[in-house]
Amino acid sequence: MDLARKKCVPCEGGVKPFSRKVAKNYAKLVSGWKLNGNKIQREFRFKNFLLAMKFVNNVARIAQKEGHHPDILLYSWNHVRITTYTHAIDGLSENDFILAAKIDGIDK
């Protein structure tokens, strides 16, 4: 399954979040992302602050285009932590893994 080629679909709630088992299977499809409770998370490290900011801005563009917005933390001047989950269902959906796959495709 090529998640990066999929498109996030609006989620207004009313559906159940992925079970732990399904989330684990999807996590295998996105390298470096770890399950953290009802979220997935990945850490990125860059050579300098400007490269970290460029990455953050690229994530923002993808998130806006997909209509699915992660939590982004820039810390220690060159580290970025991306955390995503589907807020409307307070858990994971395919959208989170699609977004993760698209973020993985950003030239670092």
PDB file of N, CA and C in Angstrom:
ATOM      1  N   MET A   1       0.853  -1.175   0.000  1.00  0.00           N
ATOM      2  CA  MET A   1       0.000   0.000   0.000  1.00  0.00           C
ATOM      3  C   MET A   1       0.900   1.240   0.000  1.00  0.00           C
ATOM      4  N   ASP A   2       0.753   2.093  -1.000  1.00  0.00           N
ATOM      5  CA  ASP A   2       1.550   3.312  -1.088  1.00  0.00           C
ATOM      6  C   ASP A   2       0.766   4.467  -0.469  1.00  0.00           C
ATOM      7  N   LEU A   3       0.972   4.677   0.809  1.00  0.00           N
ATOM      8  CA  LEU A   3       0.223   5.698   1.535  1.00  0.00           C
ATOM      9  C   LEU A   3       0.484   7.099   1.002  1.00  0.00           C
ATOM     10  N   ALA A   4       1.694   7.364   0.535  1.00  0.00           N
ATOM     11  CA  ALA A   4       2.045   8.706   0.064  1.00  0.00           C
ATOM     12  C   ALA A   4       1.228   9.119  -1.157  1.00  0.00           C
ATOM     13  N   ARG A   5       0.671   8.169  -1.871  1.00  0.00           N
ATOM     14  CA  ARG A   5      -0.143   8.485  -3.055  1.00  0.00           C
ATOM     15  C   ARG A   5      -1.614   8.695  -2.705  1.00  0.00           C
ATOM     16  N   LYS A   6      -1.973   8.380  -1.474  1.00  0.00           N
ATOM     17  CA  LYS A   6      -3.370   8.556  -1.046  1.00  0.00           C
ATOM     18  C   LYS A   6      -3.601  10.003  -0.618  1.00  0.00           C
ATOM     19  N   LYS A   7      -4.864  10.343  -0.457  1.00  0.00           N
ATOM     20  CA  LYS A   7      -5.269  11.673  -0.018  1.00  0.00           C
ATOM     21  C   LYS A   7      -6.031  11.545   1.295  1.00  0.00           C
ATOM     22  N   CYS A   8      -5.738  12.432   2.228  1.00  0.00           N
ATOM     23  CA  CYS A   8      -6.485  12.446   3.480  1.00  0.00           C
ATOM     24  C   CYS A   8      -7.937  12.804   3.189  1.00  0.00           C
ATOM     25  N   VAL A   9      -8.837  12.172   3.923  1.00  0.00           N
ATOM     26  CA  VAL A   9     -10.266  12.453   3.774  1.00  0.00           C
ATOM     27  C   VAL A   9     -10.762  13.121   5.060  1.00  0.00           C
ATOM     28  N   PRO A  10     -11.662  14.080   4.926  1.00  0.00           N
ATOM     29  CA  PRO A  10     -12.159  14.768   6.121  1.00  0.00           C
ATOM     30  C   PRO A  10     -12.766  13.791   7.119  1.00  0.00           C
ATOM     31  N   CYS A  11     -12.485  14.028   8.383  1.00  0.00           N
ATOM     32  CA  CYS A  11     -13.043  13.193   9.452  1.00  0.00           C
ATOM     33  C   CYS A  11     -13.751  14.114  10.432  1.00  0.00           C
ATOM     34  N   GLU A  12     -15.037  13.919  10.552  1.00  0.00           N
ATOM     35  CA  GLU A  12     -15.843  14.729  11.467  1.00  0.00           C
ATOM     36  C   GLU A  12     -16.222  13.945  12.718  1.00  0.00           C
ATOM     37  N   GLY A  13     -15.587  12.796  12.904  1.00  0.00           N
ATOM     38  CA  GLY A  13     -15.953  11.955  14.035  1.00  0.00           C
ATOM     39  C   GLY A  13     -16.975  10.924  13.598  1.00  0.00           C
ATOM     40  N   GLY A  14     -17.532  10.230  14.556  1.00  0.00           N
ATOM     41  CA  GLY A  14     -18.542   9.233  14.253  1.00  0.00           C
ATOM     42  C   GLY A  14     -17.974   7.902  13.781  1.00  0.00           C
ATOM     43  N   VAL A  15     -16.660   7.804  13.710  1.00  0.00           N
ATOM     44  CA  VAL A  15     -16.009   6.533  13.376  1.00  0.00           C
ATOM     45  C   VAL A  15     -15.056   6.193  14.514  1.00  0.00           C
ATOM     46  N   LYS A  16     -14.762   4.929  14.639  1.00  0.00           N
ATOM     47  CA  LYS A  16     -13.856   4.503  15.707  1.00  0.00           C
ATOM     48  C   LYS A  16     -12.408   4.678  15.259  1.00  0.00           C
ATOM     49  N   PRO A  17     -11.543   5.049  16.200  1.00  0.00           N
ATOM     50  CA  PRO A  17     -10.117   5.093  15.862  1.00  0.00           C
ATOM     51  C   PRO A  17      -9.591   3.679  15.621  1.00  0.00           C
ATOM     52  N   PHE A  18      -8.440   3.599  14.979  1.00  0.00           N
ATOM     53  CA  PHE A  18      -7.801   2.306  14.752  1.00  0.00           C
ATOM     54  C   PHE A  18      -7.578   1.583  16.076  1.00  0.00           C
ATOM     55  N   SER A  19      -7.737   0.282  16.044  1.00  0.00           N
ATOM     56  CA  SER A  19      -7.353  -0.542  17.194  1.00  0.00           C
ATOM     57  C   SER A  19      -5.828  -0.538  17.269  1.00  0.00           C
ATOM     58  N   ARG A  20      -5.299  -0.967  18.384  1.00  0.00           N
ATOM     59  CA  ARG A  20      -3.841  -1.035  18.557  1.00  0.00           C
ATOM     60  C   ARG A  20      -3.226  -1.941  17.480  1.00  0.00           C
ATOM     61  N   LYS A  21      -3.885  -3.053  17.193  1.00  0.00           N
ATOM     62  CA  LYS A  21      -3.385  -4.009  16.207  1.00  0.00           C
ATOM     63  C   LYS A  21      -3.318  -3.380  14.807  1.00  0.00           C
ATOM     64  N   VAL A  22      -4.380  -2.708  14.411  1.00  0.00           N
ATOM     65  CA  VAL A  22      -4.396  -2.061  13.089  1.00  0.00           C
ATOM     66  C   VAL A  22      -3.346  -0.945  13.040  1.00  0.00           C
ATOM     67  N   ALA A  23      -3.258  -0.159  14.107  1.00  0.00           N
ATOM     68  CA  ALA A  23      -2.263   0.920  14.163  1.00  0.00           C
ATOM     69  C   ALA A  23      -0.847   0.360  14.029  1.00  0.00           C
ATOM     70  N   LYS A  24      -0.565  -0.761  14.683  1.00  0.00           N
ATOM     71  CA  LYS A  24       0.765  -1.386  14.582  1.00  0.00           C
ATOM     72  C   LYS A  24       1.050  -1.818  13.148  1.00  0.00           C
ATOM     73  N   ASN A  25       0.049  -2.352  12.465  1.00  0.00           N
ATOM     74  CA  ASN A  25       0.238  -2.770  11.074  1.00  0.00           C
ATOM     75  C   ASN A  25       0.516  -1.568  10.171  1.00  0.00           C
ATOM     76  N   TYR A  26      -0.216  -0.488  10.367  1.00  0.00           N
ATOM     77  CA  TYR A  26       0.029   0.718   9.576  1.00  0.00           C
ATOM     78  C   TYR A  26       1.386   1.326   9.915  1.00  0.00           C
ATOM     79  N   ALA A  27       1.785   1.272  11.181  1.00  0.00           N
ATOM     80  CA  ALA A  27       3.075   1.845  11.590  1.00  0.00           C
ATOM     81  C   ALA A  27       4.247   1.177  10.863  1.00  0.00           C
ATOM     82  N   LYS A  28       4.071  -0.065  10.480  1.00  0.00           N
ATOM     83  CA  LYS A  28       5.112  -0.767   9.731  1.00  0.00           C
ATOM     84  C   LYS A  28       5.318  -0.155   8.346  1.00  0.00           C
ATOM     85  N   LEU A  29       4.338   0.593   7.879  1.00  0.00           N
ATOM     86  CA  LEU A  29       4.388   1.178   6.534  1.00  0.00           C
ATOM     87  C   LEU A  29       5.077   2.540   6.502  1.00  0.00           C
ATOM     88  N   VAL A  30       5.343   3.112   7.674  1.00  0.00           N
ATOM     89  CA  VAL A  30       5.986   4.430   7.743  1.00  0.00           C
ATOM     90  C   VAL A  30       7.240   4.329   8.624  1.00  0.00           C
ATOM     91  N   SER A  31       8.355   4.319   7.988  1.00  0.00           N
ATOM     92  CA  SER A  31       9.640   4.107   8.661  1.00  0.00           C
ATOM     93  C   SER A  31       9.956   5.217   9.668  1.00  0.00           C
ATOM     94  N   GLY A  32      10.355   4.816  10.854  1.00  0.00           N
ATOM     95  CA  GLY A  32      10.806   5.779  11.850  1.00  0.00           C
ATOM     96  C   GLY A  32       9.709   6.347  12.738  1.00  0.00           C
ATOM     97  N   TRP A  33       8.457   6.117  12.393  1.00  0.00           N
ATOM     98  CA  TRP A  33       7.346   6.614  13.196  1.00  0.00           C
ATOM     99  C   TRP A  33       7.035   5.596  14.283  1.00  0.00           C
ATOM    100  N   LYS A  34       6.787   6.110  15.484  1.00  0.00           N
ATOM    101  CA  LYS A  34       6.510   5.238  16.618  1.00  0.00           C
ATOM    102  C   LYS A  34       5.120   5.529  17.170  1.00  0.00           C
ATOM    103  N   LEU A  35       4.467   4.461  17.594  1.00  0.00           N
ATOM    104  CA  LEU A  35       3.189   4.635  18.280  1.00  0.00           C
ATOM    105  C   LEU A  35       3.460   5.210  19.666  1.00  0.00           C
ATOM    106  N   ASN A  36       2.682   6.198  20.033  1.00  0.00           N
ATOM    107  CA  ASN A  36       2.800   6.823  21.347  1.00  0.00           C
ATOM    108  C   ASN A  36       1.379   7.030  21.866  1.00  0.00           C
ATOM    109  N   GLY A  37       0.854   6.007  22.521  1.00  0.00           N
ATOM    110  CA  GLY A  37      -0.538   6.054  22.971  1.00  0.00           C
ATOM    111  C   GLY A  37      -1.460   6.049  21.766  1.00  0.00           C
ATOM    112  N   ASN A  38      -2.295   7.077  21.659  1.00  0.00           N
ATOM    113  CA  ASN A  38      -3.245   7.166  20.551  1.00  0.00           C
ATOM    114  C   ASN A  38      -2.721   8.065  19.422  1.00  0.00           C
ATOM    115  N   LYS A  39      -1.392   8.217  19.353  1.00  0.00           N
ATOM    116  CA  LYS A  39      -0.755   9.099  18.371  1.00  0.00           C
ATOM    117  C   LYS A  39       0.433   8.380  17.737  1.00  0.00           C
ATOM    118  N   ILE A  40       0.935   8.954  16.626  1.00  0.00           N
ATOM    119  CA  ILE A  40       2.223   8.518  16.091  1.00  0.00           C
ATOM    120  C   ILE A  40       3.150   9.721  16.110  1.00  0.00           C
ATOM    121  N   GLN A  41       4.442   9.411  16.219  1.00  0.00           N
ATOM    122  CA  GLN A  41       5.413  10.470  16.436  1.00  0.00           C
ATOM    123  C   GLN A  41       6.737  10.106  15.786  1.00  0.00           C
ATOM    124  N   ARG A  42       7.434  11.137  15.306  1.00  0.00           N
ATOM    125  CA  ARG A  42       8.770  10.923  14.754  1.00  0.00           C
ATOM    126  C   ARG A  42       9.626  12.139  15.045  1.00  0.00           C
ATOM    127  N   GLU A  43      10.895  11.868  15.314  1.00  0.00           N
ATOM    128  CA  GLU A  43      11.890  12.912  15.572  1.00  0.00           C
ATOM    129  C   GLU A  43      12.764  13.080  14.334  1.00  0.00           C
ATOM    130  N   PHE A  44      13.108  14.330  14.025  1.00  0.00           N
ATOM    131  CA  PHE A  44      14.003  14.651  12.925  1.00  0.00           C
ATOM    132  C   PHE A  44      15.092  15.574  13.451  1.00  0.00           C
ATOM    133  N   ARG A  45      16.295  15.412  12.927  1.00  0.00           N
ATOM    134  CA  ARG A  45      17.413  16.264  13.332  1.00  0.00           C
ATOM    135  C   ARG A  45      18.060  16.833  12.081  1.00  0.00           C
ATOM    136  N   PHE A  46      18.430  18.114  12.140  1.00  0.00           N
ATOM    137  CA  PHE A  46      18.970  18.811  10.984  1.00  0.00           C
ATOM    138  C   PHE A  46      20.326  19.427  11.299  1.00  0.00           C
ATOM    139  N   LYS A  47      21.060  19.760  10.239  1.00  0.00           N
ATOM    140  CA  LYS A  47      22.402  20.338  10.411  1.00  0.00           C
ATOM    141  C   LYS A  47      22.360  21.726  11.035  1.00  0.00           C
ATOM    142  N   ASN A  48      21.271  22.455  10.768  1.00  0.00           N
ATOM    143  CA  ASN A  48      21.189  23.801  11.315  1.00  0.00           C
ATOM    144  C   ASN A  48      19.728  24.241  11.442  1.00  0.00           C
ATOM    145  N   PHE A  49      19.546  25.392  12.032  1.00  0.00           N
ATOM    146  CA  PHE A  49      18.219  25.935  12.302  1.00  0.00           C
ATOM    147  C   PHE A  49      17.436  26.198  11.021  1.00  0.00           C
ATOM    148  N   LEU A  50      18.108  26.759  10.012  1.00  0.00           N
ATOM    149  CA  LEU A  50      17.404  27.084   8.770  1.00  0.00           C
ATOM    150  C   LEU A  50      16.868  25.848   8.069  1.00  0.00           C
ATOM    151  N   LEU A  51      17.624  24.756   8.082  1.00  0.00           N
ATOM    152  CA  LEU A  51      17.138  23.513   7.476  1.00  0.00           C
ATOM    153  C   LEU A  51      15.951  22.953   8.264  1.00  0.00           C
ATOM    154  N   ALA A  52      16.007  23.088   9.583  1.00  0.00           N
ATOM    155  CA  ALA A  52      14.886  22.644  10.414  1.00  0.00           C
ATOM    156  C   ALA A  52      13.635  23.459  10.090  1.00  0.00           C
ATOM    157  N   MET A  53      13.795  24.767   9.939  1.00  0.00           N
ATOM    158  CA  MET A  53      12.658  25.629   9.619  1.00  0.00           C
ATOM    159  C   MET A  53      12.118  25.347   8.214  1.00  0.00           C
ATOM    160  N   LYS A  54      13.002  25.083   7.280  1.00  0.00           N
ATOM    161  CA  LYS A  54      12.565  24.746   5.925  1.00  0.00           C
ATOM    162  C   LYS A  54      11.698  23.483   5.971  1.00  0.00           C
ATOM    163  N   PHE A  55      12.141  22.499   6.738  1.00  0.00           N
ATOM    164  CA  PHE A  55      11.385  21.265   6.894  1.00  0.00           C
ATOM    165  C   PHE A  55      10.011  21.541   7.516  1.00  0.00           C
ATOM    166  N   VAL A  56       9.988  22.334   8.586  1.00  0.00           N
ATOM    167  CA  VAL A  56       8.726  22.672   9.256  1.00  0.00           C
ATOM    168  C   VAL A  56       7.768  23.338   8.270  1.00  0.00           C
ATOM    169  N   ASN A  57       8.273  24.249   7.470  1.00  0.00           N
ATOM    170  CA  ASN A  57       7.425  24.933   6.490  1.00  0.00           C
ATOM    171  C   ASN A  57       6.915  23.969   5.424  1.00  0.00           C
ATOM    172  N   ASN A  58       7.736  23.016   5.018  1.00  0.00           N
ATOM    173  CA  ASN A  58       7.286  22.002   4.061  1.00  0.00           C
ATOM    174  C   ASN A  58       6.201  21.113   4.667  1.00  0.00           C
ATOM    175  N   VAL A  59       6.368  20.751   5.930  1.00  0.00           N
ATOM    176  CA  VAL A  59       5.332  19.973   6.624  1.00  0.00           C
ATOM    177  C   VAL A  59       4.037  20.776   6.663  1.00  0.00           C
ATOM    178  N   ALA A  60       4.136  22.064   6.958  1.00  0.00           N
ATOM    179  CA  ALA A  60       2.946  22.917   7.027  1.00  0.00           C
ATOM    180  C   ALA A  60       2.219  22.955   5.686  1.00  0.00           C
ATOM    181  N   ARG A  61       2.956  23.054   4.594  1.00  0.00           N
ATOM    182  CA  ARG A  61       2.326  23.085   3.265  1.00  0.00           C
ATOM    183  C   ARG A  61       1.587  21.777   2.974  1.00  0.00           C
ATOM    184  N   ILE A  62       2.231  20.666   3.284  1.00  0.00           N
ATOM    185  CA  ILE A  62       1.596  19.358   3.069  1.00  0.00           C
ATOM    186  C   ILE A  62       0.346  19.228   3.936  1.00  0.00           C
ATOM    187  N   ALA A  63       0.474  19.576   5.202  1.00  0.00           N
ATOM    188  CA  ALA A  63      -0.650  19.457   6.133  1.00  0.00           C
ATOM    189  C   ALA A  63      -1.835  20.303   5.673  1.00  0.00           C
ATOM    190  N   GLN A  64      -1.568  21.508   5.221  1.00  0.00           N
ATOM    191  CA  GLN A  64      -2.643  22.383   4.767  1.00  0.00           C
ATOM    192  C   GLN A  64      -3.317  21.805   3.519  1.00  0.00           C
ATOM    193  N   LYS A  65      -2.509  21.300   2.604  1.00  0.00           N
ATOM    194  CA  LYS A  65      -3.055  20.706   1.382  1.00  0.00           C
ATOM    195  C   LYS A  65      -3.920  19.480   1.701  1.00  0.00           C
ATOM    196  N   GLU A  66      -3.491  18.685   2.676  1.00  0.00           N
ATOM    197  CA  GLU A  66      -4.214  17.471   3.053  1.00  0.00           C
ATOM    198  C   GLU A  66      -5.377  17.748   4.004  1.00  0.00           C
ATOM    199  N   GLY A  67      -5.401  18.925   4.600  1.00  0.00           N
ATOM    200  CA  GLY A  67      -6.456  19.227   5.565  1.00  0.00           C
ATOM    201  C   GLY A  67      -6.326  18.401   6.835  1.00  0.00           C
ATOM    202  N   HIS A  68      -5.085  18.026   7.152  1.00  0.00           N
ATOM    203  CA  HIS A  68      -4.823  17.197   8.334  1.00  0.00           C
ATOM    204  C   HIS A  68      -3.555  17.745   8.988  1.00  0.00           C
ATOM    205  N   HIS A  69      -3.695  18.302  10.170  1.00  0.00           N
ATOM    206  CA  HIS A  69      -2.634  19.107  10.762  1.00  0.00           C
ATOM    207  C   HIS A  69      -2.005  18.446  11.987  1.00  0.00           C
ATOM    208  N   PRO A  70      -0.688  18.202  11.930  1.00  0.00           N
ATOM    209  CA  PRO A  70       0.003  17.583  13.061  1.00  0.00           C
ATOM    210  C   PRO A  70       0.437  18.623  14.088  1.00  0.00           C
ATOM    211  N   ASP A  71       0.862  18.140  15.220  1.00  0.00           N
ATOM    212  CA  ASP A  71       1.546  18.983  16.189  1.00  0.00           C
ATOM    213  C   ASP A  71       3.016  19.001  15.773  1.00  0.00           C
ATOM    214  N   ILE A  72       3.604  20.196  15.736  1.00  0.00           N
ATOM    215  CA  ILE A  72       4.988  20.355  15.309  1.00  0.00           C
ATOM    216  C   ILE A  72       5.740  21.049  16.437  1.00  0.00           C
ATOM    217  N   LEU A  73       6.837  20.451  16.870  1.00  0.00           N
ATOM    218  CA  LEU A  73       7.666  21.041  17.914  1.00  0.00           C
ATOM    219  C   LEU A  73       9.084  21.191  17.383  1.00  0.00           C
ATOM    220  N   LEU A  74       9.575  22.425  17.337  1.00  0.00           N
ATOM    221  CA  LEU A  74      10.965  22.705  16.991  1.00  0.00           C
ATOM    222  C   LEU A  74      11.676  23.011  18.302  1.00  0.00           C
ATOM    223  N   TYR A  75      12.732  22.266  18.593  1.00  0.00           N
ATOM    224  CA  TYR A  75      13.428  22.480  19.862  1.00  0.00           C
ATOM    225  C   TYR A  75      14.929  22.289  19.683  1.00  0.00           C
ATOM    226  N   SER A  76      15.685  22.820  20.615  1.00  0.00           N
ATOM    227  CA  SER A  76      17.155  22.747  20.594  1.00  0.00           C
ATOM    228  C   SER A  76      17.725  23.153  19.245  1.00  0.00           C
ATOM    229  N   TRP A  77      17.145  24.102  18.613  1.00  0.00           N
ATOM    230  CA  TRP A  77      17.522  24.768  17.365  1.00  0.00           C
ATOM    231  C   TRP A  77      17.584  23.902  16.119  1.00  0.00           C
ATOM    232  N   ASN A  78      17.704  22.584  16.251  1.00  0.00           N
ATOM    233  CA  ASN A  78      17.794  21.755  15.037  1.00  0.00           C
ATOM    234  C   ASN A  78      17.036  20.432  15.136  1.00  0.00           C
ATOM    235  N   HIS A  79      16.160  20.312  16.098  1.00  0.00           N
ATOM    236  CA  HIS A  79      15.354  19.100  16.263  1.00  0.00           C
ATOM    237  C   HIS A  79      13.882  19.434  16.018  1.00  0.00           C
ATOM    238  N   VAL A  80      13.200  18.536  15.315  1.00  0.00           N
ATOM    239  CA  VAL A  80      11.769  18.707  15.069  1.00  0.00           C
ATOM    240  C   VAL A  80      11.073  17.408  15.452  1.00  0.00           C
ATOM    241  N   ARG A  81      10.018  17.534  16.226  1.00  0.00           N
ATOM    242  CA  ARG A  81       9.180  16.378  16.579  1.00  0.00           C
ATOM    243  C   ARG A  81       7.804  16.603  15.959  1.00  0.00           C
ATOM    244  N   ILE A  82       7.375  15.635  15.170  1.00  0.00           N
ATOM    245  CA  ILE A  82       6.044  15.672  14.570  1.00  0.00           C
ATOM    246  C   ILE A  82       5.189  14.626  15.277  1.00  0.00           C
ATOM    247  N   THR A  83       4.031  15.048  15.741  1.00  0.00           N
ATOM    248  CA  THR A  83       3.071  14.158  16.379  1.00  0.00           C
ATOM    249  C   THR A  83       1.739  14.335  15.668  1.00  0.00           C
ATOM    250  N   THR A  84       1.128  13.224  15.314  1.00  0.00           N
ATOM    251  CA  THR A  84      -0.160  13.334  14.637  1.00  0.00           C
ATOM    252  C   THR A  84      -1.148  12.289  15.139  1.00  0.00           C
ATOM    253  N   TYR A  85      -2.384  12.701  15.151  1.00  0.00           N
ATOM    254  CA  TYR A  85      -3.523  11.826  15.438  1.00  0.00           C
ATOM    255  C   TYR A  85      -4.757  12.541  14.909  1.00  0.00           C
ATOM    256  N   THR A  86      -5.837  11.844  14.798  1.00  0.00           N
ATOM    257  CA  THR A  86      -7.068  12.431  14.277  1.00  0.00           C
ATOM    258  C   THR A  86      -7.860  12.989  15.448  1.00  0.00           C
ATOM    259  N   HIS A  87      -7.852  14.305  15.560  1.00  0.00           N
ATOM    260  CA  HIS A  87      -8.455  14.979  16.703  1.00  0.00           C
ATOM    261  C   HIS A  87      -9.933  14.645  16.869  1.00  0.00           C
ATOM    262  N   ALA A  88     -10.667  14.552  15.757  1.00  0.00           N
ATOM    263  CA  ALA A  88     -12.116  14.337  15.819  1.00  0.00           C
ATOM    264  C   ALA A  88     -12.496  13.003  16.460  1.00  0.00           C
ATOM    265  N   ILE A  89     -11.569  12.039  16.427  1.00  0.00           N
ATOM    266  CA  ILE A  89     -11.870  10.729  17.027  1.00  0.00           C
ATOM    267  C   ILE A  89     -10.917  10.406  18.182  1.00  0.00           C
ATOM    268  N   ASP A  90     -10.049  11.373  18.507  1.00  0.00           N
ATOM    269  CA  ASP A  90      -9.075  11.214  19.591  1.00  0.00           C
ATOM    270  C   ASP A  90      -8.297   9.908  19.468  1.00  0.00           C
ATOM    271  N   GLY A  91      -7.839   9.643  18.256  1.00  0.00           N
ATOM    272  CA  GLY A  91      -7.075   8.428  18.002  1.00  0.00           C
ATOM    273  C   GLY A  91      -6.536   8.436  16.589  1.00  0.00           C
ATOM    274  N   LEU A  92      -6.065   7.297  16.164  1.00  0.00           N
ATOM    275  CA  LEU A  92      -5.431   7.179  14.858  1.00  0.00           C
ATOM    276  C   LEU A  92      -6.407   6.729  13.774  1.00  0.00           C
ATOM    277  N   SER A  93      -6.207   7.285  12.597  1.00  0.00           N
ATOM    278  CA  SER A  93      -6.949   6.883  11.406  1.00  0.00           C
ATOM    279  C   SER A  93      -5.945   6.773  10.256  1.00  0.00           C
ATOM    280  N   GLU A  94      -6.419   6.322   9.124  1.00  0.00           N
ATOM    281  CA  GLU A  94      -5.519   6.211   7.973  1.00  0.00           C
ATOM    282  C   GLU A  94      -4.906   7.565   7.625  1.00  0.00           C
ATOM    283  N   ASN A  95      -5.630   8.654   7.855  1.00  0.00           N
ATOM    284  CA  ASN A  95      -5.110   9.993   7.560  1.00  0.00           C
ATOM    285  C   ASN A  95      -3.756  10.245   8.220  1.00  0.00           C
ATOM    286  N   ASP A  96      -3.589   9.776   9.436  1.00  0.00           N
ATOM    287  CA  ASP A  96      -2.340  10.013  10.160  1.00  0.00           C
ATOM    288  C   ASP A  96      -1.162   9.338   9.471  1.00  0.00           C
ATOM    289  N   PHE A  97      -1.392   8.172   8.955  1.00  0.00           N
ATOM    290  CA  PHE A  97      -0.328   7.426   8.291  1.00  0.00           C
ATOM    291  C   PHE A  97      -0.074   7.952   6.877  1.00  0.00           C
ATOM    292  N   ILE A  98      -1.121   8.446   6.238  1.00  0.00           N
ATOM    293  CA  ILE A  98      -0.947   9.112   4.943  1.00  0.00           C
ATOM    294  C   ILE A  98      -0.076  10.348   5.128  1.00  0.00           C
ATOM    295  N   LEU A  99      -0.404  11.159   6.125  1.00  0.00           N
ATOM    296  CA  LEU A  99       0.382  12.352   6.401  1.00  0.00           C
ATOM    297  C   LEU A  99       1.825  11.999   6.734  1.00  0.00           C
ATOM    298  N   ALA A 100       2.018  10.980   7.562  1.00  0.00           N
ATOM    299  CA  ALA A 100       3.386  10.551   7.918  1.00  0.00           C
ATOM    300  C   ALA A 100       4.168  10.153   6.671  1.00  0.00           C
ATOM    301  N   ALA A 101       3.538   9.408   5.772  1.00  0.00           N
ATOM    302  CA  ALA A 101       4.211   8.978   4.538  1.00  0.00           C
ATOM    303  C   ALA A 101       4.577  10.170   3.677  1.00  0.00           C
ATOM    304  N   LYS A 102       3.702  11.155   3.604  1.00  0.00           N
ATOM    305  CA  LYS A 102       3.985  12.351   2.811  1.00  0.00           C
ATOM    306  C   LYS A 102       5.118  13.158   3.448  1.00  0.00           C
ATOM    307  N   ILE A 103       5.134  13.248   4.761  1.00  0.00           N
ATOM    308  CA  ILE A 103       6.226  13.951   5.463  1.00  0.00           C
ATOM    309  C   ILE A 103       7.542  13.220   5.210  1.00  0.00           C
ATOM    310  N   ASP A 104       7.516  11.909   5.219  1.00  0.00           N
ATOM    311  CA  ASP A 104       8.729  11.140   4.938  1.00  0.00           C
ATOM    312  C   ASP A 104       9.287  11.424   3.541  1.00  0.00           C
ATOM    313  N   GLY A 105       8.427  11.849   2.634  1.00  0.00           N
ATOM    314  CA  GLY A 105       8.853  12.142   1.272  1.00  0.00           C
ATOM    315  C   GLY A 105       9.510  13.494   1.091  1.00  0.00           C
ATOM    316  N   ILE A 106       9.519  14.317   2.137  1.00  0.00           N
ATOM    317  CA  ILE A 106      10.149  15.635   2.062  1.00  0.00           C
ATOM    318  C   ILE A 106      11.663  15.457   1.975  1.00  0.00           C
ATOM    319  N   ASP A 107      12.275  16.171   1.055  1.00  0.00           N
ATOM    320  CA  ASP A 107      13.739  16.136   0.933  1.00  0.00           C
ATOM    321  C   ASP A 107      14.337  16.791   2.166  1.00  0.00           C
ATOM    322  N   LYS A 108      15.113  16.009   2.909  1.00  0.00           N
ATOM    323  CA  LYS A 108      15.715  16.503   4.151  1.00  0.00           C
ATOM    324  C   LYS A 108      17.132  16.859   3.862  1.00  0.00           C
TER     325      LYS A 108
END
